[in-house]
Amino acid sequence: MIRINNLTFRYPDGTLALDSVDLNIHKGEFVAIVGKNGCGKSTILRHMNGLLLPTEGSVIVKGMDTSDTFSILKIRHTAGMVFQDPGSQFIGMTVEEDVAFGPENLALPAEKIQFLVNRSLRGVGMLEHRNHTPRTLSGGQKQKVAFASVLAMEPEVILFDEVTSMLDSNTRKDILDIIKKLHKNGTTVVYVTHRLEELVYADRLVVMDKGRIIHDGNPRAILSKENPVSFGFDLPPVIELARRLADENIIDSSLLPLSKEELREVLCQLM
């Protein structure tokens, strides 16, 4: 689905953000990308839909090279992106106008656009807010509208850049439940996060440091062997307890629980 070959990227001031990175994202995967601030995780995400172009190397999205200007609109239709700050995505005067903007640019029939807008807003629980001004909404509602705007484009891949970082726990759960459902229905998900507990949703973990990939594999396998603090996570008490139980061989380290619910289930099975 996405093939990254020998990707190097320098910002205009000469700062090296990505250093000879190779990465393949396969259709239907849920890939989480993590690392300390400045490690390159958001930079690599922006290369996946052509917001940034390689200094060296290549990024191929479903057979299309992001450096090909004639393919860029189709690439962004294929790989949609939801940002940390949803306000940066708003264009329309109302929620409905904002969600309709993408499909309109694809020159779709009016009936199809209306269908996509309604379906996308309903999918994120924002249909009743369709006539509201986006900037008057709460932070969580804004993020849902930004999400709906991407969904209306019917992308095969959705790129998420720390979308839950400014949300309360209830809204964060709502967003994660929507993402989980999308992935279950076949959407490829690439998810940048700094929250360890969100890795329970991923089937693959990519850890970055200083512009390079240092780990790539099963989240539980990596976290059972590596200290998550070393690559930018605060260690939640539930993960710390699970790691200690694994160290004492009380639970299987390959099945390391990543949430309270998972730990409870594992402990119940031991009784």
Foldseek 3Di string as FASTA:
>chain_A
DKWWAQFWAADPVGRTQAGGETDDFDFLFAEEEFFAPSLNQVVVLCVQLLVDAGPDTFMADPNRTSVPPVCNLVSCLQEPEQEQQLVVQADDQFLLCSLLVSVVVVVDDPVLSVVLSCVLCVLLVNNVRRGPGLVVDDLLNSSSSSRSSSVSSVHLEYEYYQNCVPPDPVSSVSVLVSVLVVSVVGRRYYYYHQEQLSCVSGQWYWAGGNNYTDDIGGPLVCVLVDPVVVGRHDDDPQQVVQSVCVVVVVFPSSQRDSDPVSVVVRVVVSD
